[in-house]
PDB file of N, CA and C in Angstrom:
ATOM      1  N   UNK A   1       2.842  25.555 208.090  1.00  0.00           N
ATOM      2  CA  UNK A   1       3.736  25.665 207.788  1.00  0.00           C
ATOM      3  C   UNK A   1       4.091  25.862 206.390  1.00  0.00           C
ATOM      4  N   UNK A   2       3.596  26.441 205.443  1.00  0.00           N
ATOM      5  CA  UNK A   2       3.840  27.604 204.201  1.00  0.00           C
ATOM      6  C   UNK A   2       2.863  29.053 204.813  1.00  0.00           C
ATOM      7  N   UNK A   3       2.512  29.355 205.906  1.00  0.00           N
ATOM      8  CA  UNK A   3       2.731  30.469 206.225  1.00  0.00           C
ATOM      9  C   UNK A   3       3.376  31.139 206.776  1.00  0.00           C
ATOM     10  N   UNK A   4       4.409  30.111 208.146  1.00  0.00           N
ATOM     11  CA  UNK A   4       5.675  30.785 208.348  1.00  0.00           C
ATOM     12  C   UNK A   4       6.853  30.203 207.357  1.00  0.00           C
ATOM     13  N   UNK A   5       6.774  30.626 206.199  1.00  0.00           N
ATOM     14  CA  UNK A   5       7.564  30.154 205.098  1.00  0.00           C
ATOM     15  C   UNK A   5       7.584  31.404 204.375  1.00  0.00           C
ATOM     16  N   UNK A   6       5.730  31.759 203.970  1.00  0.00           N
ATOM     17  CA  UNK A   6       5.845  32.850 203.634  1.00  0.00           C
ATOM     18  C   UNK A   6       5.974  34.395 204.547  1.00  0.00           C
ATOM     19  N   UNK A   7       6.053  33.630 206.089  1.00  0.00           N
ATOM     20  CA  UNK A   7       6.477  35.192 206.189  1.00  0.00           C
ATOM     21  C   UNK A   7       7.692  35.328 206.398  1.00  0.00           C
ATOM     22  N   UNK A   8       8.175  34.540 206.707  1.00  0.00           N
ATOM     23  CA  UNK A   8       9.785  34.502 206.888  1.00  0.00           C
ATOM     24  C   UNK A   8      10.282  35.203 205.828  1.00  0.00           C
ATOM     25  N   UNK A   9       9.958  34.804 204.254  1.00  0.00           N
ATOM     26  CA  UNK A   9      10.299  34.862 202.581  1.00  0.00           C
ATOM     27  C   UNK A   9      10.290  36.469 203.677  1.00  0.00           C
ATOM     28  N   UNK A  10       8.790  37.078 203.721  1.00  0.00           N
ATOM     29  CA  UNK A  10       8.803  38.511 203.572  1.00  0.00           C
ATOM     30  C   UNK A  10       9.790  39.186 204.673  1.00  0.00           C
ATOM     31  N   UNK A  11       9.999  38.543 205.598  1.00  0.00           N
ATOM     32  CA  UNK A  11      11.160  38.892 206.511  1.00  0.00           C
ATOM     33  C   UNK A  11      12.276  39.310 206.285  1.00  0.00           C
ATOM     34  N   UNK A  12      12.555  38.373 205.443  1.00  0.00           N
ATOM     35  CA  UNK A  12      14.204  38.641 204.481  1.00  0.00           C
ATOM     36  C   UNK A  12      13.995  39.407 203.667  1.00  0.00           C
ATOM     37  N   UNK A  13      13.300  39.626 202.766  1.00  0.00           N
ATOM     38  CA  UNK A  13      13.377  40.745 201.559  1.00  0.00           C
ATOM     39  C   UNK A  13      13.012  41.865 202.569  1.00  0.00           C
ATOM     40  N   UNK A  14      12.441  42.083 203.422  1.00  0.00           N
ATOM     41  CA  UNK A  14      12.067  43.498 203.894  1.00  0.00           C
ATOM     42  C   UNK A  14      13.246  43.721 204.590  1.00  0.00           C
ATOM     43  N   UNK A  15      14.450  42.517 205.135  1.00  0.00           N
ATOM     44  CA  UNK A  15      15.259  43.278 205.732  1.00  0.00           C
ATOM     45  C   UNK A  15      16.145  43.393 204.871  1.00  0.00           C
ATOM     46  N   UNK A  16      16.242  42.823 203.230  1.00  0.00           N
ATOM     47  CA  UNK A  16      16.972  43.513 202.270  1.00  0.00           C
ATOM     48  C   UNK A  16      17.286  44.459 201.539  1.00  0.00           C
ATOM     49  N   UNK A  17      15.517  45.074 201.084  1.00  0.00           N
ATOM     50  CA  UNK A  17      15.214  45.962 200.812  1.00  0.00           C
ATOM     51  C   UNK A  17      15.132  47.249 201.618  1.00  0.00           C
ATOM     52  N   UNK A  18      14.936  46.832 203.001  1.00  0.00           N
ATOM     53  CA  UNK A  18      14.650  48.337 203.643  1.00  0.00           C
ATOM     54  C   UNK A  18      16.075  49.179 203.781  1.00  0.00           C
ATOM     55  N   UNK A  19      17.377  49.054 203.790  1.00  0.00           N
ATOM     56  CA  UNK A  19      18.401  49.778 203.993  1.00  0.00           C
ATOM     57  C   UNK A  19      18.286  50.686 202.941  1.00  0.00           C
ATOM     58  N   UNK A  20      18.004  50.363 201.397  1.00  0.00           N
ATOM     59  CA  UNK A  20      17.944  50.935 200.287  1.00  0.00           C
ATOM     60  C   UNK A  20      16.322  51.857 200.378  1.00  0.00           C
ATOM     61  N   UNK A  21      15.740  51.682 200.955  1.00  0.00           N
ATOM     62  CA  UNK A  21      14.307  52.622 201.146  1.00  0.00           C
ATOM     63  C   UNK A  21      14.501  53.204 202.127  1.00  0.00           C
ATOM     64  N   UNK A  22      15.219  53.634 203.038  1.00  0.00           N
ATOM     65  CA  UNK A  22      15.788  53.986 204.532  1.00  0.00           C
ATOM     66  C   UNK A  22      16.222  55.336 203.717  1.00  0.00           C
ATOM     67  N   UNK A  23      16.988  56.055 202.418  1.00  0.00           N
ATOM     68  CA  UNK A  23      18.104  56.667 201.898  1.00  0.00           C
ATOM     69  C   UNK A  23      17.476  57.686 201.807  1.00  0.00           C
ATOM     70  N   UNK A  24      18.380  59.128 202.903  1.00  0.00           N
ATOM     71  CA  UNK A  24      17.756  59.846 202.220  1.00  0.00           C
ATOM     72  C   UNK A  24      18.055  60.652 201.294  1.00  0.00           C
ATOM     73  N   UNK A  25      16.602  60.847 200.543  1.00  0.00           N
ATOM     74  CA  UNK A  25      16.871  61.499 199.214  1.00  0.00           C
ATOM     75  C   UNK A  25      16.487  63.401 199.599  1.00  0.00           C
ATOM     76  N   UNK A  26      16.101  63.510 200.835  1.00  0.00           N
ATOM     77  CA  UNK A  26      15.982  64.873 200.692  1.00  0.00           C
ATOM     78  C   UNK A  26      17.136  66.146 200.417  1.00  0.00           C
ATOM     79  N   UNK A  27      18.191  65.668 200.434  1.00  0.00           N
ATOM     80  CA  UNK A  27      19.228  66.383 200.389  1.00  0.00           C
ATOM     81  C   UNK A  27      19.458  65.972 198.610  1.00  0.00           C
ATOM     82  N   UNK A  28      19.480  67.584 197.754  1.00  0.00           N
ATOM     83  CA  UNK A  28      19.813  67.136 196.000  1.00  0.00           C
ATOM     84  C   UNK A  28      21.663  66.748 196.335  1.00  0.00           C
ATOM     85  N   UNK A  29      21.700  65.862 195.619  1.00  0.00           N
ATOM     86  CA  UNK A  29      23.119  65.149 195.773  1.00  0.00           C
ATOM     87  C   UNK A  29      23.969  66.706 195.083  1.00  0.00           C
ATOM     88  N   UNK A  30      23.345  67.746 194.043  1.00  0.00           N
ATOM     89  CA  UNK A  30      24.367  68.627 193.313  1.00  0.00           C
ATOM     90  C   UNK A  30      24.920  69.455 194.362  1.00  0.00           C
ATOM     91  N   UNK A  31      24.127  69.893 196.078  1.00  0.00           N
ATOM     92  CA  UNK A  31      24.761  70.636 196.118  1.00  0.00           C
ATOM     93  C   UNK A  31      26.470  69.800 197.328  1.00  0.00           C
ATOM     94  N   UNK A  32      26.584  68.728 196.881  1.00  0.00           N
ATOM     95  CA  UNK A  32      27.315  68.056 197.467  1.00  0.00           C
ATOM     96  C   UNK A  32      28.495  68.025 196.880  1.00  0.00           C
ATOM     97  N   UNK A  33      28.595  68.346 195.022  1.00  0.00           N
ATOM     98  CA  UNK A  33      29.476  68.459 194.209  1.00  0.00           C
ATOM     99  C   UNK A  33      29.995  70.098 193.853  1.00  0.00           C
ATOM    100  N   UNK A  34      31.032  70.370 194.576  1.00  0.00           N
ATOM    101  CA  UNK A  34      32.114  71.543 193.611  1.00  0.00           C
ATOM    102  C   UNK A  34      32.111  72.188 192.012  1.00  0.00           C
ATOM    103  N   UNK A  35      31.388  72.409 191.549  1.00  0.00           N
ATOM    104  CA  UNK A  35      31.626  72.947 190.003  1.00  0.00           C
ATOM    105  C   UNK A  35      33.015  73.282 190.174  1.00  0.00           C
ATOM    106  N   UNK A  36      34.205  72.839 189.346  1.00  0.00           N
ATOM    107  CA  UNK A  36      35.434  73.116 188.916  1.00  0.00           C
ATOM    108  C   UNK A  36      35.533  74.132 187.293  1.00  0.00           C
ATOM    109  N   UNK A  37      36.042  75.354 187.704  1.00  0.00           N
ATOM    110  CA  UNK A  37      36.131  75.964 186.424  1.00  0.00           C
ATOM    111  C   UNK A  37      37.327  76.059 185.848  1.00  0.00           C
ATOM    112  N   UNK A  38      38.410  75.028 186.048  1.00  0.00           N
ATOM    113  CA  UNK A  38      39.775  75.520 185.396  1.00  0.00           C
ATOM    114  C   UNK A  38      39.668  73.761 184.763  1.00  0.00           C
ATOM    115  N   UNK A  39      38.975  74.210 183.906  1.00  0.00           N
ATOM    116  CA  UNK A  39      39.175  72.625 182.488  1.00  0.00           C
ATOM    117  C   UNK A  39      39.928  73.459 181.617  1.00  0.00           C
ATOM    118  N   UNK A  40      40.608  72.593 180.617  1.00  0.00           N
ATOM    119  CA  UNK A  40      40.958  72.375 179.766  1.00  0.00           C
ATOM    120  C   UNK A  40      40.384  72.117 178.861  1.00  0.00           C
ATOM    121  N   UNK A  41      39.195  71.754 178.265  1.00  0.00           N
ATOM    122  CA  UNK A  41      38.627  71.669 177.161  1.00  0.00           C
ATOM    123  C   UNK A  41      37.570  73.216 177.099  1.00  0.00           C
ATOM    124  N   UNK A  42      37.504  73.586 178.222  1.00  0.00           N
ATOM    125  CA  UNK A  42      36.424  74.999 177.746  1.00  0.00           C
ATOM    126  C   UNK A  42      37.090  75.724 176.814  1.00  0.00           C
ATOM    127  N   UNK A  43      36.137  76.503 175.904  1.00  0.00           N
ATOM    128  CA  UNK A  43      36.807  77.527 175.064  1.00  0.00           C
ATOM    129  C   UNK A  43      36.591  79.095 175.319  1.00  0.00           C
ATOM    130  N   UNK A  44      37.150  79.159 176.661  1.00  0.00           N
ATOM    131  CA  UNK A  44      37.376  80.434 177.232  1.00  0.00           C
ATOM    132  C   UNK A  44      38.795  80.808 177.179  1.00  0.00           C
ATOM    133  N   UNK A  45      39.200  82.062 177.593  1.00  0.00           N
ATOM    134  CA  UNK A  45      40.955  82.748 177.509  1.00  0.00           C
ATOM    135  C   UNK A  45      40.899  81.314 179.031  1.00  0.00           C
ATOM    136  N   UNK A  46      40.651  81.264 179.995  1.00  0.00           N
ATOM    137  CA  UNK A  46      41.204  80.142 181.284  1.00  0.00           C
ATOM    138  C   UNK A  46      41.821  78.807 180.725  1.00  0.00           C
ATOM    139  N   UNK A  47      40.111  78.426 179.686  1.00  0.00           N
ATOM    140  CA  UNK A  47      40.662  77.392 178.852  1.00  0.00           C
ATOM    141  C   UNK A  47      41.441  77.159 178.065  1.00  0.00           C
ATOM    142  N   UNK A  48      41.966  77.768 176.950  1.00  0.00           N
ATOM    143  CA  UNK A  48      43.510  77.635 176.023  1.00  0.00           C
ATOM    144  C   UNK A  48      44.797  78.040 176.928  1.00  0.00           C
ATOM    145  N   UNK A  49      44.690  78.934 178.010  1.00  0.00           N
ATOM    146  CA  UNK A  49      45.734  78.497 178.851  1.00  0.00           C
ATOM    147  C   UNK A  49      46.030  77.581 179.315  1.00  0.00           C
ATOM    148  N   UNK A  50      44.851  76.965 180.318  1.00  0.00           N
ATOM    149  CA  UNK A  50      45.236  75.354 180.504  1.00  0.00           C
ATOM    150  C   UNK A  50      45.423  74.848 179.324  1.00  0.00           C
ATOM    151  N   UNK A  51      45.056  74.320 178.266  1.00  0.00           N
ATOM    152  CA  UNK A  51      45.444  73.702 177.395  1.00  0.00           C
ATOM    153  C   UNK A  51      47.040  74.386 176.931  1.00  0.00           C
ATOM    154  N   UNK A  52      47.231  75.505 176.529  1.00  0.00           N
ATOM    155  CA  UNK A  52      49.014  75.824 177.183  1.00  0.00           C
ATOM    156  C   UNK A  52      50.076  75.044 177.183  1.00  0.00           C
ATOM    157  N   UNK A  53      48.803  74.962 179.023  1.00  0.00           N
ATOM    158  CA  UNK A  53      50.275  74.889 180.351  1.00  0.00           C
ATOM    159  C   UNK A  53      50.343  72.914 179.916  1.00  0.00           C
ATOM    160  N   UNK A  54      49.068  72.335 179.848  1.00  0.00           N
ATOM    161  CA  UNK A  54      48.771  70.828 179.645  1.00  0.00           C
ATOM    162  C   UNK A  54      50.771  70.285 178.137  1.00  0.00           C
ATOM    163  N   UNK A  55      49.674  71.379 177.153  1.00  0.00           N
ATOM    164  CA  UNK A  55      50.722  71.024 175.855  1.00  0.00           C
ATOM    165  C   UNK A  55      52.121  71.496 176.401  1.00  0.00           C
ATOM    166  N   UNK A  56      52.550  72.085 176.936  1.00  0.00           N
ATOM    167  CA  UNK A  56      54.216  72.185 177.737  1.00  0.00           C
ATOM    168  C   UNK A  56      54.465  71.203 178.321  1.00  0.00           C
ATOM    169  N   UNK A  57      53.422  70.970 179.082  1.00  0.00           N
ATOM    170  CA  UNK A  57      53.518  69.486 179.992  1.00  0.00           C
ATOM    171  C   UNK A  57      53.879  68.393 179.823  1.00  0.00           C
ATOM    172  N   UNK A  58      53.295  67.788 178.334  1.00  0.00           N
ATOM    173  CA  UNK A  58      53.302  66.188 178.025  1.00  0.00           C
ATOM    174  C   UNK A  58      54.590  66.517 176.876  1.00  0.00           C
ATOM    175  N   UNK A  59      54.487  67.734 176.436  1.00  0.00           N
ATOM    176  CA  UNK A  59      56.151  67.559 175.623  1.00  0.00           C
ATOM    177  C   UNK A  59      57.832  67.751 176.862  1.00  0.00           C
ATOM    178  N   UNK A  60      57.286  68.073 178.361  1.00  0.00           N
ATOM    179  CA  UNK A  60      58.335  68.385 178.805  1.00  0.00           C
ATOM    180  C   UNK A  60      58.569  66.854 179.224  1.00  0.00           C
ATOM    181  N   UNK A  61      57.192  66.524 179.647  1.00  0.00           N
ATOM    182  CA  UNK A  61      57.508  64.692 180.651  1.00  0.00           C
ATOM    183  C   UNK A  61      57.354  63.511 179.303  1.00  0.00           C
ATOM    184  N   UNK A  62      57.736  64.036 177.965  1.00  0.00           N
ATOM    185  CA  UNK A  62      57.713  63.441 177.182  1.00  0.00           C
ATOM    186  C   UNK A  62      59.151  63.114 176.588  1.00  0.00           C
ATOM    187  N   UNK A  63      60.237  64.278 176.840  1.00  0.00           N
ATOM    188  CA  UNK A  63      61.589  64.334 176.356  1.00  0.00           C
ATOM    189  C   UNK A  63      62.360  63.149 177.863  1.00  0.00           C
ATOM    190  N   UNK A  64      63.129  62.570 177.069  1.00  0.00           N
ATOM    191  CA  UNK A  64      63.715  61.355 177.844  1.00  0.00           C
ATOM    192  C   UNK A  64      65.183  61.752 177.866  1.00  0.00           C
ATOM    193  N   UNK A  65      65.135  63.205 178.087  1.00  0.00           N
ATOM    194  CA  UNK A  65      66.532  63.579 178.251  1.00  0.00           C
ATOM    195  C   UNK A  65      66.349  64.187 179.440  1.00  0.00           C
ATOM    196  N   UNK A  66      66.893  64.260 180.439  1.00  0.00           N
ATOM    197  CA  UNK A  66      67.266  65.395 181.694  1.00  0.00           C
ATOM    198  C   UNK A  66      67.088  64.495 182.997  1.00  0.00           C
ATOM    199  N   UNK A  67      66.500  63.071 182.908  1.00  0.00           N
ATOM    200  CA  UNK A  67      66.174  62.652 184.120  1.00  0.00           C
ATOM    201  C   UNK A  67      65.234  63.141 184.869  1.00  0.00           C
ATOM    202  N   UNK A  68      65.384  62.847 186.790  1.00  0.00           N
ATOM    203  CA  UNK A  68      64.300  63.418 187.195  1.00  0.00           C
ATOM    204  C   UNK A  68      64.382  64.248 187.413  1.00  0.00           C
ATOM    205  N   UNK A  69      65.251  65.326 187.472  1.00  0.00           N
ATOM    206  CA  UNK A  69      65.627  66.416 187.496  1.00  0.00           C
ATOM    207  C   UNK A  69      64.623  67.456 186.587  1.00  0.00           C
ATOM    208  N   UNK A  70      64.496  67.130 185.273  1.00  0.00           N
ATOM    209  CA  UNK A  70      63.723  67.203 184.177  1.00  0.00           C
ATOM    210  C   UNK A  70      62.525  67.425 184.616  1.00  0.00           C
ATOM    211  N   UNK A  71      61.510  66.378 185.180  1.00  0.00           N
ATOM    212  CA  UNK A  71      61.131  66.158 185.878  1.00  0.00           C
ATOM    213  C   UNK A  71      60.356  67.016 187.005  1.00  0.00           C
ATOM    214  N   UNK A  72      60.722  66.991 187.757  1.00  0.00           N
ATOM    215  CA  UNK A  72      60.294  68.303 188.510  1.00  0.00           C
ATOM    216  C   UNK A  72      60.550  69.357 188.279  1.00  0.00           C
ATOM    217  N   UNK A  73      61.453  69.808 187.381  1.00  0.00           N
ATOM    218  CA  UNK A  73      61.534  71.198 186.697  1.00  0.00           C
ATOM    219  C   UNK A  73      60.106  71.329 186.188  1.00  0.00           C
ATOM    220  N   UNK A  74      60.130  70.429 185.710  1.00  0.00           N
ATOM    221  CA  UNK A  74      58.646  70.578 184.649  1.00  0.00           C
ATOM    222  C   UNK A  74      57.376  70.416 185.700  1.00  0.00           C
ATOM    223  N   UNK A  75      57.289  69.547 186.575  1.00  0.00           N
ATOM    224  CA  UNK A  75      56.098  69.620 187.532  1.00  0.00           C
ATOM    225  C   UNK A  75      55.895  70.904 188.218  1.00  0.00           C
ATOM    226  N   UNK A  76      57.571  71.859 188.750  1.00  0.00           N
ATOM    227  CA  UNK A  76      57.143  72.728 188.865  1.00  0.00           C
ATOM    228  C   UNK A  76      56.473  74.295 188.117  1.00  0.00           C
ATOM    229  N   UNK A  77      57.509  73.958 186.480  1.00  0.00           N
ATOM    230  CA  UNK A  77      56.677  75.052 185.800  1.00  0.00           C
ATOM    231  C   UNK A  77      55.602  74.666 185.586  1.00  0.00           C
ATOM    232  N   UNK A  78      54.069  73.692 185.256  1.00  0.00           N
ATOM    233  CA  UNK A  78      52.680  72.861 185.667  1.00  0.00           C
ATOM    234  C   UNK A  78      52.225  73.837 186.372  1.00  0.00           C
ATOM    235  N   UNK A  79      52.965  73.746 187.708  1.00  0.00           N
ATOM    236  CA  UNK A  79      52.206  74.217 188.899  1.00  0.00           C
ATOM    237  C   UNK A  79      52.405  76.295 188.701  1.00  0.00           C
ATOM    238  N   UNK A  80      53.375  76.659 188.028  1.00  0.00           N
ATOM    239  CA  UNK A  80      53.057  77.917 188.152  1.00  0.00           C
ATOM    240  C   UNK A  80      52.447  78.436 186.937  1.00  0.00           C
ATOM    241  N   UNK A  81      52.327  77.166 185.801  1.00  0.00           N
ATOM    242  CA  UNK A  81      51.693  78.061 184.335  1.00  0.00           C
ATOM    243  C   UNK A  81      50.001  78.013 184.856  1.00  0.00           C
ATOM    244  N   UNK A  82      49.433  76.786 185.985  1.00  0.00           N
ATOM    245  CA  UNK A  82      48.251  76.733 186.353  1.00  0.00           C
ATOM    246  C   UNK A  82      47.524  77.532 187.313  1.00  0.00           C
ATOM    247  N   UNK A  83      49.450  78.487 187.856  1.00  0.00           N
ATOM    248  CA  UNK A  83      48.823  79.476 188.747  1.00  0.00           C
ATOM    249  C   UNK A  83      48.582  80.980 188.251  1.00  0.00           C
ATOM    250  N   UNK A  84      49.159  80.651 186.724  1.00  0.00           N
ATOM    251  CA  UNK A  84      49.211  81.859 185.848  1.00  0.00           C
ATOM    252  C   UNK A  84      48.170  82.063 185.738  1.00  0.00           C
ATOM    253  N   UNK A  85      47.471  81.041 185.292  1.00  0.00           N
ATOM    254  CA  UNK A  85      46.496  80.958 184.064  1.00  0.00           C
ATOM    255  C   UNK A  85      45.109  81.356 185.244  1.00  0.00           C
ATOM    256  N   UNK A  86      45.344  80.926 186.631  1.00  0.00           N
ATOM    257  CA  UNK A  86      44.667  81.449 187.629  1.00  0.00           C
ATOM    258  C   UNK A  86      43.581  80.431 188.098  1.00  0.00           C
ATOM    259  N   UNK A  87      44.199  78.960 188.525  1.00  0.00           N
ATOM    260  CA  UNK A  87      43.919  78.032 188.765  1.00  0.00           C
ATOM    261  C   UNK A  87      44.845  77.388 190.298  1.00  0.00           C
TER     262      UNK A  87
END
């Protein structure tokens, strides 16, 4: 009786632990992620341009006058600014 309980416990543990051990670790995880070069936190010319675009977007989105049309205009201006920065 003790042997069958021990074998059952091992089978349950193997069933639980098996899938985690079967994960394919041969592919590097870094190859799945693409590096984005448009970060407003960078200290280069493109980063400063993105910071200016973000500052303009924040000021326009926090202005309470103008309604939804002003927000849509600000979104369009943000996209145009990002495109001008090369993003």
